[in-house]
Amino acid sequence: MTSPLLQIERELRVGRPVIVPTETVYGLMARADDPVAVDAIYALKGRDFDKPLALCVSTPDAARDYAQLSDQAAAIMAALWPGPLTLVLPAKPGSIIDRRCSQDGMIGLRCPDIFWSGRLGAMPLALTSANKSGEPDTACAKTAYEAFLPNPPVVLDGGVIAAGTPSTVLRLSGGKAKLLRAGAMQAEDFAPFDLDWEV
């Protein structure tokens, strides 16, 4: 009998999106190096192409393949990853990922604190919330599945997610920091890093 995680891995490898739990909400995920798979994410969500997808990485070291890390970014990753934080950083030129995973020379990186990360992290993975654009985030497998009827992707059931709040999105660029979304973490959580906040 095929394990649920193995089934998810197989779906990803052949270019199909999947629904997975994270520590914040359920996510919709596909290979970031497969334009057809990325197309499928946008089609499922009804999402505008001018809204980039985050890139899921399994470790801070893996982030170096896709982004230019300042000492400050590296320190935040070391302290707060894995966790509910998306870091938007200057993209590294020449990456193999789909162009819709970056915008204006920046890329959003997410390292979720979840059981599947180490198993699937060898693939570059585009990640967004598992809901139609403009609709509420989903905190259980059933709701995430039903959001994409009549043709939902395969779902990895991780139970009900207590947080139900999306990741915080923090941009670091040119020595300045900007909180793009205050989700599971707040500005005060970054006090130890002495950030220079953009006004």
C-alpha atoms as a PDB file:
ATOM      1  CA  MET A   1       0.000   0.000   0.000  1.00  0.00           C
ATOM      2  CA  THR A   2       1.388   3.418  -0.989  1.00  0.00           C
ATOM      3  CA  SER A   3       1.985   5.791   1.908  1.00  0.00           C
ATOM      4  CA  PRO A   4       0.279   9.213   1.689  1.00  0.00           C
ATOM      5  CA  LEU A   5       3.646  10.997   1.645  1.00  0.00           C
ATOM      6  CA  LEU A   6       4.959   8.787  -1.151  1.00  0.00           C
ATOM      7  CA  GLN A   7       1.827   9.518  -3.169  1.00  0.00           C
ATOM      8  CA  ILE A   8       2.384  13.258  -2.681  1.00  0.00           C
ATOM      9  CA  GLU A   9       5.997  12.901  -3.780  1.00  0.00           C
ATOM     10  CA  ARG A  10       4.947  11.037  -6.929  1.00  0.00           C
ATOM     11  CA  GLU A  11       2.356  13.667  -7.804  1.00  0.00           C
ATOM     12  CA  LEU A  12       4.954  16.422  -7.474  1.00  0.00           C
ATOM     13  CA  ARG A  13       7.531  14.579  -9.572  1.00  0.00           C
ATOM     14  CA  VAL A  14       5.129  14.234 -12.505  1.00  0.00           C
ATOM     15  CA  GLY A  15       4.210  17.912 -12.376  1.00  0.00           C
ATOM     16  CA  ARG A  16       0.891  17.886 -10.554  1.00  0.00           C
ATOM     17  CA  PRO A  17       0.027  20.263  -7.682  1.00  0.00           C
ATOM     18  CA  VAL A  18      -0.766  18.872  -4.238  1.00  0.00           C
ATOM     19  CA  ILE A  19      -2.327  20.156  -1.031  1.00  0.00           C
ATOM     20  CA  VAL A  20      -0.195  19.883   2.109  1.00  0.00           C
ATOM     21  CA  PRO A  21      -0.417  21.038   5.711  1.00  0.00           C
ATOM     22  CA  THR A  22       2.005  23.605   7.080  1.00  0.00           C
ATOM     23  CA  GLU A  23       2.304  24.842  10.653  1.00  0.00           C
ATOM     24  CA  THR A  24       0.084  27.828   9.771  1.00  0.00           C
ATOM     25  CA  VAL A  25      -2.550  26.881   7.149  1.00  0.00           C
ATOM     26  CA  TYR A  26      -2.926  24.318   4.357  1.00  0.00           C
ATOM     27  CA  GLY A  27      -0.825  25.036   1.283  1.00  0.00           C
ATOM     28  CA  LEU A  28      -1.042  24.389  -2.449  1.00  0.00           C
ATOM     29  CA  MET A  29       2.316  23.221  -3.775  1.00  0.00           C
ATOM     30  CA  ALA A  30       3.955  22.223  -7.067  1.00  0.00           C
ATOM     31  CA  ARG A  31       7.412  21.949  -8.585  1.00  0.00           C
ATOM     32  CA  ALA A  32       8.907  25.396  -9.040  1.00  0.00           C
ATOM     33  CA  ASP A  33      11.110  24.227 -11.921  1.00  0.00           C
ATOM     34  CA  ASP A  34       8.125  23.039 -13.993  1.00  0.00           C
ATOM     35  CA  PRO A  35       6.222  25.873 -15.754  1.00  0.00           C
ATOM     36  CA  VAL A  36       3.222  23.607 -16.441  1.00  0.00           C
ATOM     37  CA  ALA A  37       2.971  22.730 -12.744  1.00  0.00           C
ATOM     38  CA  VAL A  38       3.197  26.415 -11.819  1.00  0.00           C
ATOM     39  CA  ASP A  39       0.488  27.177 -14.403  1.00  0.00           C
ATOM     40  CA  ALA A  40      -1.726  24.635 -12.652  1.00  0.00           C
ATOM     41  CA  ILE A  41      -1.359  26.418  -9.302  1.00  0.00           C
ATOM     42  CA  TYR A  42      -2.488  29.726 -10.794  1.00  0.00           C
ATOM     43  CA  ALA A  43      -5.376  28.042 -12.621  1.00  0.00           C
ATOM     44  CA  LEU A  44      -6.577  26.256  -9.477  1.00  0.00           C
ATOM     45  CA  LYS A  45      -6.469  29.402  -7.365  1.00  0.00           C
ATOM     46  CA  GLY A  46      -7.749  31.801 -10.023  1.00  0.00           C
ATOM     47  CA  ARG A  47      -4.700  33.890  -9.138  1.00  0.00           C
ATOM     48  CA  ASP A  48      -3.286  36.786 -11.154  1.00  0.00           C
ATOM     49  CA  PHE A  49       0.138  36.097 -12.653  1.00  0.00           C
ATOM     50  CA  ASP A  50       1.485  39.352 -11.180  1.00  0.00           C
ATOM     51  CA  LYS A  51       1.307  37.802  -7.694  1.00  0.00           C
ATOM     52  CA  PRO A  52       4.454  35.694  -7.214  1.00  0.00           C
ATOM     53  CA  LEU A  53       4.576  32.365  -5.389  1.00  0.00           C
ATOM     54  CA  ALA A  54       6.825  31.640  -2.435  1.00  0.00           C
ATOM     55  CA  LEU A  55       9.589  29.074  -2.783  1.00  0.00           C
ATOM     56  CA  CYS A  56       9.683  26.356  -0.148  1.00  0.00           C
ATOM     57  CA  VAL A  57      13.139  25.306   1.118  1.00  0.00           C
ATOM     58  CA  SER A  58      14.017  22.652   3.672  1.00  0.00           C
ATOM     59  CA  THR A  59      17.007  24.392   5.304  1.00  0.00           C
ATOM     60  CA  PRO A  60      18.636  27.833   5.483  1.00  0.00           C
ATOM     61  CA  ASP A  61      21.555  26.430   3.456  1.00  0.00           C
ATOM     62  CA  ALA A  62      19.150  25.551   0.630  1.00  0.00           C
ATOM     63  CA  ALA A  63      18.027  29.188   0.547  1.00  0.00           C
ATOM     64  CA  ARG A  64      21.484  30.175  -0.699  1.00  0.00           C
ATOM     65  CA  ASP A  65      20.720  28.479  -4.014  1.00  0.00           C
ATOM     66  CA  TYR A  66      17.950  30.985  -4.707  1.00  0.00           C
ATOM     67  CA  ALA A  67      18.641  34.191  -2.768  1.00  0.00           C
ATOM     68  CA  GLN A  68      21.489  36.501  -1.839  1.00  0.00           C
ATOM     69  CA  LEU A  69      21.748  36.328   1.948  1.00  0.00           C
ATOM     70  CA  SER A  70      22.966  39.234   4.019  1.00  0.00           C
ATOM     71  CA  ASP A  71      24.424  38.508   7.468  1.00  0.00           C
ATOM     72  CA  GLN A  72      21.166  39.783   8.924  1.00  0.00           C
ATOM     73  CA  ALA A  73      19.036  37.468   6.798  1.00  0.00           C
ATOM     74  CA  ALA A  74      21.260  34.515   7.700  1.00  0.00           C
ATOM     75  CA  ALA A  75      20.906  35.328  11.407  1.00  0.00           C
ATOM     76  CA  ILE A  76      17.109  35.498  11.175  1.00  0.00           C
ATOM     77  CA  MET A  77      16.990  32.191   9.309  1.00  0.00           C
ATOM     78  CA  ALA A  78      19.238  30.521  11.870  1.00  0.00           C
ATOM     79  CA  ALA A  79      17.040  31.719  14.740  1.00  0.00           C
ATOM     80  CA  LEU A  80      13.515  31.506  13.306  1.00  0.00           C
ATOM     81  CA  TRP A  81      13.598  28.769  10.663  1.00  0.00           C
ATOM     82  CA  PRO A  82      11.975  26.347  10.363  1.00  0.00           C
ATOM     83  CA  GLY A  83       8.938  28.379  11.316  1.00  0.00           C
ATOM     84  CA  PRO A  84       6.014  30.545  10.170  1.00  0.00           C
ATOM     85  CA  LEU A  85       8.131  33.170   8.419  1.00  0.00           C
ATOM     86  CA  THR A  86       8.450  33.998   4.717  1.00  0.00           C
ATOM     87  CA  LEU A  87      11.555  36.050   3.941  1.00  0.00           C
ATOM     88  CA  VAL A  88      11.577  38.188   0.795  1.00  0.00           C
ATOM     89  CA  LEU A  89      15.197  38.628  -0.295  1.00  0.00           C
ATOM     90  CA  PRO A  90      17.207  39.655  -3.379  1.00  0.00           C
ATOM     91  CA  ALA A  91      17.018  36.773  -5.845  1.00  0.00           C
ATOM     92  CA  LYS A  92      20.152  34.978  -6.950  1.00  0.00           C
ATOM     93  CA  PRO A  93      20.630  35.354 -10.723  1.00  0.00           C
ATOM     94  CA  GLY A  94      20.461  32.259 -12.923  1.00  0.00           C
ATOM     95  CA  SER A  95      18.146  30.160 -10.787  1.00  0.00           C
ATOM     96  CA  ILE A  96      16.305  27.238 -12.407  1.00  0.00           C
ATOM     97  CA  ILE A  97      12.944  28.104 -10.879  1.00  0.00           C
ATOM     98  CA  ASP A  98       9.965  29.491 -12.773  1.00  0.00           C
ATOM     99  CA  ARG A  99      10.058  33.276 -13.134  1.00  0.00           C
ATOM    100  CA  ARG A 100       6.706  33.535 -11.301  1.00  0.00           C
ATOM    101  CA  CYS A 101       8.471  32.575  -8.071  1.00  0.00           C
ATOM    102  CA  SER A 102      10.241  35.942  -8.084  1.00  0.00           C
ATOM    103  CA  GLN A 103       9.329  39.544  -8.840  1.00  0.00           C
ATOM    104  CA  ASP A 104      11.346  42.736  -9.315  1.00  0.00           C
ATOM    105  CA  GLY A 105      14.546  40.901  -8.468  1.00  0.00           C
ATOM    106  CA  MET A 106      13.170  39.598  -5.156  1.00  0.00           C
ATOM    107  CA  ILE A 107      12.150  36.113  -4.042  1.00  0.00           C
ATOM    108  CA  GLY A 108      10.023  34.919  -1.118  1.00  0.00           C
ATOM    109  CA  LEU A 109      11.424  31.930   0.780  1.00  0.00           C
ATOM    110  CA  ARG A 110       9.504  29.776   3.220  1.00  0.00           C
ATOM    111  CA  CYS A 111      10.912  27.029   5.455  1.00  0.00           C
ATOM    112  CA  PRO A 112       7.896  25.437   7.170  1.00  0.00           C
ATOM    113  CA  ASP A 113       8.185  23.561  10.452  1.00  0.00           C
ATOM    114  CA  ILE A 114       6.313  20.496   9.228  1.00  0.00           C
ATOM    115  CA  PHE A 115       6.966  16.757   8.939  1.00  0.00           C
ATOM    116  CA  TRP A 116       7.115  16.545   5.121  1.00  0.00           C
ATOM    117  CA  SER A 117       9.740  19.261   4.626  1.00  0.00           C
ATOM    118  CA  GLY A 118      12.824  17.058   4.820  1.00  0.00           C
ATOM    119  CA  ARG A 119      11.353  14.377   2.557  1.00  0.00           C
ATOM    120  CA  LEU A 120      10.172  16.702  -0.234  1.00  0.00           C
ATOM    121  CA  GLY A 121      12.723  19.470   0.133  1.00  0.00           C
ATOM    122  CA  ALA A 122      15.107  18.040  -2.463  1.00  0.00           C
ATOM    123  CA  MET A 123      12.770  19.452  -5.137  1.00  0.00           C
ATOM    124  CA  PRO A 124      12.327  23.208  -5.641  1.00  0.00           C
ATOM    125  CA  LEU A 125       8.725  23.744  -4.572  1.00  0.00           C
ATOM    126  CA  ALA A 126       6.385  26.669  -5.188  1.00  0.00           C
ATOM    127  CA  LEU A 127       4.024  27.178  -2.261  1.00  0.00           C
ATOM    128  CA  THR A 128       0.908  29.274  -1.684  1.00  0.00           C
ATOM    129  CA  SER A 129      -2.193  28.982   0.485  1.00  0.00           C
ATOM    130  CA  ALA A 130      -4.698  26.248  -0.413  1.00  0.00           C
ATOM    131  CA  ASN A 131      -7.730  28.372  -1.213  1.00  0.00           C
ATOM    132  CA  LYS A 132      -9.242  30.242  -4.120  1.00  0.00           C
ATOM    133  CA  SER A 133      -7.846  33.775  -4.450  1.00  0.00           C
ATOM    134  CA  GLY A 134      -9.748  36.118  -2.175  1.00  0.00           C
ATOM    135  CA  GLU A 135     -11.264  33.286  -0.132  1.00  0.00           C
ATOM    136  CA  PRO A 136     -10.356  32.431   3.508  1.00  0.00           C
ATOM    137  CA  ASP A 137      -7.322  30.319   4.316  1.00  0.00           C
ATOM    138  CA  THR A 138      -7.995  26.654   5.067  1.00  0.00           C
ATOM    139  CA  ALA A 139      -7.070  24.959   8.322  1.00  0.00           C
ATOM    140  CA  CYS A 140      -8.172  21.363   7.680  1.00  0.00           C
ATOM    141  CA  ALA A 141      -7.739  18.871   4.838  1.00  0.00           C
ATOM    142  CA  LYS A 142     -11.473  18.594   4.078  1.00  0.00           C
ATOM    143  CA  THR A 143     -11.927  22.354   3.632  1.00  0.00           C
ATOM    144  CA  ALA A 144      -8.789  22.592   1.499  1.00  0.00           C
ATOM    145  CA  TYR A 145      -9.955  19.694  -0.679  1.00  0.00           C
ATOM    146  CA  GLU A 146     -13.427  21.157  -1.137  1.00  0.00           C
ATOM    147  CA  ALA A 147     -11.998  24.556  -2.090  1.00  0.00           C
ATOM    148  CA  PHE A 148     -10.872  23.111  -5.423  1.00  0.00           C
ATOM    149  CA  LEU A 149     -13.841  20.955  -6.384  1.00  0.00           C
ATOM    150  CA  PRO A 150     -14.690  19.516  -8.884  1.00  0.00           C
ATOM    151  CA  ASN A 151     -11.032  18.666  -9.662  1.00  0.00           C
ATOM    152  CA  PRO A 152      -9.058  18.966  -6.424  1.00  0.00           C
ATOM    153  CA  PRO A 153      -5.409  17.931  -6.120  1.00  0.00           C
ATOM    154  CA  VAL A 154      -4.305  15.039  -3.908  1.00  0.00           C
ATOM    155  CA  VAL A 155      -4.321  16.084  -0.231  1.00  0.00           C
ATOM    156  CA  LEU A 156      -1.860  15.155   2.505  1.00  0.00           C
ATOM    157  CA  ASP A 157      -4.009  15.146   5.633  1.00  0.00           C
ATOM    158  CA  GLY A 158      -2.220  16.690   8.594  1.00  0.00           C
ATOM    159  CA  GLY A 159      -5.327  17.128  10.725  1.00  0.00           C
ATOM    160  CA  VAL A 160      -6.722  20.435  11.903  1.00  0.00           C
ATOM    161  CA  ILE A 161      -4.102  23.194  12.109  1.00  0.00           C
ATOM    162  CA  ALA A 162      -4.543  25.093  15.351  1.00  0.00           C
ATOM    163  CA  ALA A 163      -2.826  28.279  14.194  1.00  0.00           C
ATOM    164  CA  GLY A 164      -4.996  29.007  11.158  1.00  0.00           C
ATOM    165  CA  THR A 165      -2.949  32.171  10.570  1.00  0.00           C
ATOM    166  CA  PRO A 166      -0.664  32.560   7.548  1.00  0.00           C
ATOM    167  CA  SER A 167       3.074  33.058   7.773  1.00  0.00           C
ATOM    168  CA  THR A 168       4.524  36.475   8.439  1.00  0.00           C
ATOM    169  CA  VAL A 169       6.152  38.019   5.363  1.00  0.00           C
ATOM    170  CA  LEU A 170       9.286  40.101   5.983  1.00  0.00           C
ATOM    171  CA  ARG A 171      11.260  41.819   3.219  1.00  0.00           C
ATOM    172  CA  LEU A 172      14.970  42.531   3.673  1.00  0.00           C
ATOM    173  CA  SER A 173      16.592  44.635   0.972  1.00  0.00           C
ATOM    174  CA  GLY A 174      19.316  47.278   0.868  1.00  0.00           C
ATOM    175  CA  GLY A 175      19.788  47.102   4.621  1.00  0.00           C
ATOM    176  CA  LYS A 176      16.121  47.933   5.237  1.00  0.00           C
ATOM    177  CA  ALA A 177      13.312  45.755   6.604  1.00  0.00           C
ATOM    178  CA  LYS A 178       9.599  45.949   5.850  1.00  0.00           C
ATOM    179  CA  LEU A 179       6.813  43.830   7.285  1.00  0.00           C
ATOM    180  CA  LEU A 180       4.673  42.977   4.253  1.00  0.00           C
ATOM    181  CA  ARG A 181       2.258  40.800   6.238  1.00  0.00           C
ATOM    182  CA  ALA A 182       1.951  40.444   9.990  1.00  0.00           C
ATOM    183  CA  GLY A 183       0.803  36.840  10.251  1.00  0.00           C
ATOM    184  CA  ALA A 184       1.898  34.291  12.831  1.00  0.00           C
ATOM    185  CA  MET A 185       4.747  36.599  13.934  1.00  0.00           C
ATOM    186  CA  GLN A 186       4.690  40.301  14.752  1.00  0.00           C
ATOM    187  CA  ALA A 187       7.247  43.116  14.370  1.00  0.00           C
ATOM    188  CA  GLU A 188       8.306  42.749  18.015  1.00  0.00           C
ATOM    189  CA  ASP A 189       9.451  39.186  17.320  1.00  0.00           C
ATOM    190  CA  PHE A 190      12.303  40.657  15.271  1.00  0.00           C
ATOM    191  CA  ALA A 191      13.561  42.980  18.038  1.00  0.00           C
ATOM    192  CA  PRO A 192      16.687  40.845  18.722  1.00  0.00           C
ATOM    193  CA  PHE A 193      17.936  41.502  15.179  1.00  0.00           C
ATOM    194  CA  ASP A 194      18.068  45.306  15.412  1.00  0.00           C
ATOM    195  CA  LEU A 195      16.414  45.805  12.034  1.00  0.00           C
ATOM    196  CA  ASP A 196      16.360  49.181  10.305  1.00  0.00           C
ATOM    197  CA  TRP A 197      12.648  49.445   9.459  1.00  0.00           C
ATOM    198  CA  GLU A 198      11.595  51.078   6.233  1.00  0.00           C
ATOM    199  CA  VAL A 199       9.251  54.006   6.903  1.00  0.00           C
END
